[in-house]
Protein backbone atom coordinates (compact mmCIF):
# COMPACT_ATOMS: atom_id res chain seq x y z
CA UNK A 1 -19.88 -74.10 1.41
CA UNK A 2 -23.37 -75.46 1.35
CA UNK A 3 -23.50 -79.25 0.63
CA UNK A 4 -25.08 -80.18 -2.71
CA UNK A 5 -28.55 -81.72 -3.01
CA UNK A 6 -28.79 -85.43 -2.20
CA UNK A 7 -30.46 -88.01 -4.40
CA UNK A 8 -33.16 -90.09 -2.76
CA UNK A 9 -32.82 -93.86 -3.24
CA UNK A 10 -35.79 -95.81 -4.51
CA UNK A 11 -35.08 -98.99 -2.61
CA UNK A 12 -34.24 -100.13 0.91
CA UNK A 13 -31.25 -102.18 -0.30
CA UNK A 14 -29.60 -99.17 -1.73
CA UNK A 15 -30.03 -97.19 1.48
CA UNK A 16 -28.36 -99.96 3.42
CA UNK A 17 -25.48 -100.10 1.00
CA UNK A 18 -24.89 -96.36 1.22
CA UNK A 19 -24.79 -96.20 5.00
CA UNK A 20 -21.08 -97.11 5.38
CA UNK A 21 -20.18 -94.60 2.68
CA UNK A 22 -22.07 -91.84 4.51
CA UNK A 23 -20.30 -92.66 7.72
CA UNK A 24 -16.93 -92.32 6.01
CA UNK A 25 -17.93 -88.94 4.47
CA UNK A 26 -19.11 -87.63 7.81
CA UNK A 27 -15.77 -88.55 9.36
CA UNK A 28 -13.84 -86.90 6.53
CA UNK A 29 -15.90 -83.71 6.77
CA UNK A 30 -15.32 -83.64 10.49
CA UNK A 31 -11.59 -83.93 9.93
CA UNK A 32 -11.83 -81.14 7.32
CA UNK A 33 -13.04 -78.71 9.92
CA UNK A 34 -9.74 -78.98 11.73
CA UNK A 35 -6.55 -76.98 10.98
CA UNK A 36 -6.62 -77.63 7.23
CA UNK A 37 -10.25 -76.70 6.94
CA UNK A 38 -9.76 -73.54 8.98
CA UNK A 39 -6.90 -72.53 6.69
CA UNK A 40 -9.05 -72.95 3.64
CA UNK A 41 -11.86 -70.90 5.22
CA UNK A 42 -9.45 -68.16 6.27
CA UNK A 43 -7.93 -67.96 2.78
CA UNK A 44 -11.34 -67.63 1.19
CA UNK A 45 -12.37 -64.98 3.72
CA UNK A 46 -9.16 -62.98 3.09
CA UNK A 47 -9.81 -62.97 -0.66
CA UNK A 48 -13.32 -61.69 -0.01
CA UNK A 49 -12.01 -58.85 2.20
CA UNK A 50 -9.37 -57.90 -0.41
CA UNK A 51 -12.10 -57.49 -3.02
CA UNK A 52 -14.13 -55.37 -0.60
CA UNK A 53 -11.17 -53.04 0.12
CA UNK A 54 -10.35 -52.57 -3.56
CA UNK A 55 -13.99 -51.73 -4.28
CA UNK A 56 -14.60 -49.33 -1.41
CA UNK A 57 -11.18 -47.83 -0.60
CA UNK A 58 -11.83 -48.29 3.13
CA UNK A 59 -10.40 -51.17 5.14
CA UNK A 60 -11.98 -52.79 8.14
CA UNK A 61 -9.21 -51.17 10.26
CA UNK A 62 -10.75 -47.69 9.95
CA UNK A 63 -11.94 -47.90 13.52
CA UNK A 64 -8.33 -48.23 14.70
CA UNK A 65 -7.24 -44.99 13.00
CA UNK A 66 -5.82 -46.46 9.77
CA UNK A 67 -7.03 -44.88 6.53
CA UNK A 68 -6.56 -45.66 2.87
CA UNK A 69 -4.86 -43.08 0.64
CA UNK A 70 -8.10 -42.45 -1.19
CA UNK A 71 -9.93 -41.76 2.07
CA UNK A 72 -7.24 -39.36 3.34
CA UNK A 73 -7.21 -37.44 0.06
CA UNK A 74 -10.96 -36.95 0.29
CA UNK A 75 -10.73 -35.22 3.70
CA UNK A 76 -10.61 -31.46 4.14
CA UNK A 77 -8.72 -29.21 6.59
CA UNK A 78 -11.87 -27.55 7.97
CA UNK A 79 -11.76 -27.22 11.74
CA UNK A 80 -15.02 -29.16 12.09
CA UNK A 81 -14.38 -31.60 9.27
CA UNK A 82 -13.27 -35.24 9.28
CA UNK A 83 -9.58 -34.27 9.68
CA UNK A 84 -10.31 -32.66 13.02
CA UNK A 85 -12.40 -35.61 14.12
CA UNK A 86 -9.59 -38.06 13.29
CA UNK A 87 -7.02 -36.09 15.33
CA UNK A 88 -5.13 -34.83 12.23
CA UNK A 89 -3.24 -31.53 12.41
CA UNK A 90 -5.44 -28.60 11.29
CA UNK A 91 -4.15 -25.16 10.28
CA UNK A 92 -6.67 -22.42 11.03
CA UNK A 93 -6.97 -19.62 8.42
CA UNK A 94 -5.09 -16.46 9.40
CA UNK A 95 -7.16 -13.28 9.02
CA UNK A 96 -5.66 -10.52 6.89
CA UNK A 97 -4.08 -7.71 8.92
CA UNK A 98 -6.09 -4.53 9.12
CA UNK A 99 -4.62 -1.04 8.95
CA UNK A 100 -6.19 1.76 10.89
CA UNK A 101 -7.19 4.64 8.63
CA UNK A 102 -4.78 7.55 8.70
CA UNK A 103 -5.93 10.61 10.60
CA UNK A 104 -3.27 12.85 9.02
CA UNK A 105 -5.16 15.45 6.92
CA UNK A 106 -2.05 16.51 5.01
CA UNK A 107 -1.57 15.76 1.34
CA UNK A 108 1.56 14.36 -0.25
CA UNK A 109 2.45 17.85 -1.44
CA UNK A 110 1.95 19.29 2.06
CA UNK A 111 4.60 16.86 3.27
CA UNK A 112 6.95 17.67 0.39
CA UNK A 113 6.51 21.39 1.05
CA UNK A 114 7.56 20.96 4.68
CA UNK A 115 4.09 21.54 6.16
CA UNK A 116 3.89 19.64 9.46
CA UNK A 117 0.49 20.94 10.54
CA UNK A 118 -2.43 22.66 8.85
CA UNK A 119 -2.83 25.01 11.81
CA UNK A 120 -1.88 28.58 10.89
CA UNK A 121 -0.78 30.91 13.69
CA UNK A 122 -1.07 34.66 13.16
CA UNK A 123 2.41 35.15 14.58
CA UNK A 124 5.48 33.23 15.70
CA UNK A 125 8.80 34.19 17.29
CA UNK A 126 9.77 36.87 14.76
CA UNK A 127 13.28 35.37 14.57
CA UNK A 128 14.48 34.11 11.19
CA UNK A 129 16.67 30.99 11.07
CA UNK A 130 18.84 30.16 8.05
CA UNK A 131 18.29 26.63 6.74
CA UNK A 132 21.72 24.97 6.90
CA UNK A 133 23.30 23.32 3.90
CA UNK A 134 24.20 23.90 0.28
CA UNK A 135 22.62 22.73 -2.97
CA UNK A 136 24.77 23.15 -6.09
CA UNK A 137 23.38 24.48 -9.33
CA UNK A 138 21.91 21.63 -11.40
CA UNK A 139 23.62 22.66 -14.65
CA UNK A 140 26.61 24.66 -15.85
CA UNK A 141 26.38 28.32 -16.80
CA UNK A 142 25.38 31.44 -14.92
CA UNK A 143 24.38 30.80 -11.31
CA UNK A 144 22.33 32.89 -8.90
CA UNK A 145 22.65 32.01 -5.21
CA UNK A 146 19.73 31.76 -2.79
CA UNK A 147 19.60 31.57 1.00
CA UNK A 148 16.46 30.07 2.54
CA UNK A 149 15.20 31.19 5.95
CA UNK A 150 12.26 30.09 8.11
CA UNK A 151 10.72 31.91 11.05
CA UNK A 152 11.40 30.07 14.27
CA UNK A 153 8.24 28.68 15.88
CA UNK A 154 6.43 27.75 12.65
CA UNK A 155 5.48 24.09 12.37
CA UNK A 156 7.66 23.51 9.31
CA UNK A 157 10.25 21.01 8.17
CA UNK A 158 12.77 23.66 7.10
CA UNK A 159 14.93 21.29 5.03
CA UNK A 160 11.92 20.13 3.00
CA UNK A 161 10.74 23.67 2.50
CA UNK A 162 14.20 24.65 1.18
CA UNK A 163 14.29 21.66 -1.17
CA UNK A 164 10.82 22.55 -2.49
CA UNK A 165 11.88 26.14 -3.19
CA UNK A 166 15.00 25.06 -5.06
CA UNK A 167 13.16 22.42 -7.08
CA UNK A 168 10.65 25.07 -8.16
CA UNK A 169 13.31 27.64 -9.08
CA UNK A 170 15.29 25.14 -11.16
CA UNK A 171 12.32 23.63 -12.96
CA UNK A 172 12.75 23.75 -16.78
CA UNK A 173 9.64 25.98 -16.94
CA UNK A 174 11.16 28.45 -14.50
CA UNK A 175 13.08 31.71 -14.89
CA UNK A 176 16.19 29.93 -16.11
CA UNK A 177 14.41 28.16 -18.99
CA UNK A 178 16.63 27.42 -21.94
CA UNK A 179 19.76 27.42 -19.78
CA UNK A 180 19.86 31.18 -19.20
CA UNK A 181 20.91 30.56 -15.58
CA UNK A 182 20.21 28.32 -12.62
CA UNK A 183 19.97 28.66 -8.85
CA UNK A 184 22.21 27.28 -6.12
CA UNK A 185 21.39 27.29 -2.42
CA UNK A 186 23.82 28.42 0.25
CA UNK A 187 23.60 29.14 3.97
CA UNK A 188 26.06 32.02 3.58
CA UNK A 189 25.82 35.37 1.82
CA UNK A 190 23.62 35.07 -1.27
CA UNK A 191 22.19 37.06 -4.17
CA UNK A 192 18.64 36.54 -2.90
CA UNK A 193 16.83 35.37 0.22
CA UNK A 194 13.62 33.35 0.28
CA UNK A 195 11.85 33.65 3.64
CA UNK A 196 8.85 31.78 5.07
CA UNK A 197 7.21 33.80 7.87
CA UNK A 198 3.98 34.26 9.80
CA UNK A 199 1.52 36.98 8.79
CA UNK A 200 2.67 39.48 11.42
CA UNK A 201 6.34 39.04 10.50
CA UNK A 202 5.55 39.37 6.81
CA UNK A 203 3.84 42.71 7.48
CA UNK A 204 6.92 43.91 9.33
CA UNK A 205 9.48 42.69 6.79
CA UNK A 206 7.50 43.97 3.80
CA UNK A 207 6.83 47.52 5.04
CA UNK A 208 6.20 50.01 3.55
CA UNK A 209 4.37 47.57 1.23
CA UNK A 210 0.92 46.78 2.61
CA UNK A 211 0.56 43.05 2.90
CA UNK A 212 -2.16 43.28 5.60
CA UNK A 213 -1.42 39.81 6.95
CA UNK A 214 -2.74 38.21 3.75
CA UNK A 215 -0.18 38.29 0.95
CA UNK A 216 3.54 37.92 0.33
CA UNK A 217 6.09 40.38 -1.00
CA UNK A 218 9.54 40.94 -2.49
CA UNK A 219 11.63 43.86 -1.28
CA UNK A 220 15.23 44.65 -0.40
CA UNK A 221 16.58 41.40 -1.81
CA UNK A 222 14.23 39.05 0.01
CA UNK A 223 11.15 37.24 -1.25
CA UNK A 224 9.00 36.76 1.84
CA UNK A 225 6.20 34.19 1.66
CA UNK A 226 3.18 34.39 3.94
CA UNK A 227 2.92 31.12 5.89
CA UNK A 228 -0.89 31.21 5.78
CA UNK A 229 -0.81 31.30 1.97
CA UNK A 230 1.84 28.55 1.89
CA UNK A 231 -0.39 26.22 3.90
CA UNK A 232 -3.86 27.00 2.52
CA UNK A 233 -3.31 28.93 -0.75
CA UNK A 234 -6.49 30.78 -1.78
CA UNK A 235 -10.03 29.58 -2.62
CA UNK A 236 -9.29 29.90 -6.33
CA UNK A 237 -6.46 27.37 -5.92
CA UNK A 238 -8.52 24.90 -3.91
CA UNK A 239 -7.44 21.42 -4.92
CA UNK A 240 -4.33 22.74 -6.68
CA UNK A 241 -2.35 24.06 -3.70
CA UNK A 242 0.85 22.75 -5.28
CA UNK A 243 0.29 25.10 -8.22
CA UNK A 244 -0.12 28.03 -5.84
CA UNK A 245 3.08 27.22 -3.93
CA UNK A 246 5.06 27.06 -7.15
CA UNK A 247 3.43 30.27 -8.33
CA UNK A 248 4.21 32.29 -5.18
CA UNK A 249 7.89 31.27 -5.25
CA UNK A 250 8.26 32.17 -8.92
CA UNK A 251 6.22 35.37 -8.60
CA UNK A 252 8.14 36.83 -5.66
CA UNK A 253 11.56 35.78 -6.96
CA UNK A 254 10.49 37.24 -10.32
CA UNK A 255 10.27 40.62 -8.60
CA UNK A 256 13.83 40.21 -7.31
CA UNK A 257 14.91 39.47 -10.88
CA UNK A 258 13.39 42.77 -11.99
CA UNK A 259 9.95 41.74 -13.28
CA UNK A 260 6.87 43.85 -12.49
CA UNK A 261 3.17 43.06 -12.34
CA UNK A 262 1.17 42.31 -15.48
CA UNK A 263 -2.52 41.65 -16.10
CA UNK A 264 -4.51 38.79 -17.57
CA UNK A 265 -4.29 38.85 -21.38
CA UNK A 266 -7.79 37.41 -21.85
CA UNK A 267 -10.31 34.88 -20.64
CA UNK A 268 -9.19 31.30 -20.95
CA UNK A 269 -5.48 32.12 -21.28
CA UNK A 270 -2.94 30.96 -18.75
CA UNK A 271 -2.33 33.72 -16.24
CA UNK A 272 1.18 35.21 -16.54
CA UNK A 273 3.25 34.30 -13.49
CA UNK A 274 3.66 38.03 -12.71
CA UNK A 275 -0.11 38.51 -12.58
CA UNK A 276 -1.28 38.97 -8.96
CA UNK A 277 -2.99 35.59 -8.84
CA UNK A 278 -3.27 35.66 -5.04
CA UNK A 279 -6.01 38.24 -5.56
CA UNK A 280 -7.44 36.59 -8.70
CA UNK A 281 -6.31 34.47 -11.61
CA UNK A 282 -9.67 34.76 -13.42
CA UNK A 283 -10.62 35.30 -16.10
CA UNK A 284 -7.28 33.65 -16.86
CA UNK A 285 -6.42 30.14 -15.69
CA UNK A 286 -4.08 29.60 -12.73
CA UNK A 287 -0.46 29.17 -13.77
CA UNK A 288 2.75 28.72 -11.79
CA UNK A 289 5.41 29.12 -14.46
CA UNK A 290 7.25 31.94 -16.25
CA UNK A 291 7.70 29.66 -19.29
CA UNK A 292 4.85 27.11 -19.16
């Protein structure tokens, strides 16, 4: 503390009388600067520092690595921020994984139809292989059996192709609509055969019908589907290849069931399934089903 202002005496006598008193005060002040005085100074200084800490949130120990709660909460986890500078643990952001774009040109329906490649060979081995397994009829009543065969050497998932054929035949819009009958698949003797073959094998199996490497046929108990049409359909079915695949199964099996060709009933109508839509659906609209 600063000493208070002193009063000046107006007379010499008074100054002489005060001298002993001043000596005593000087001695007492000197004694006050000892241990007791130091304690009082330290206590006052501590109270001052406590006020400073409460006001600022930062203690004088910041240089030694200690931080107040308020200071720590204000820091961020950025790699170059205060947390990194103080030696705190920093978690770097993890970039999102990237997926390389698929180079597979096949559609979902290509996969379901058993198509493993969009390449179409003009010929394969010429040997037909029965797809193993049985699929029971999906409902009670009359049942017609089907055996599915695929030419060896075609890039086809035979089991998927067979499943696709049977799903199409047993669709509620199919030939058995209304519960007239349903189809069951077998790898033994059957009422009908559904065959997937290359163009050259189709021409051979369909003779004397003239398929000319382009179309499919039904003859002698087998519905033989041209592999080129199965993979690519026709320009009129561009973008709706699934519709063409369902159509060609129903059309050729329709022949085995005794149905002949019909023509388009008029522009804008759905094409009958027994119309030769491989050549043209127009002026009708493409249609895959006997009972759409």
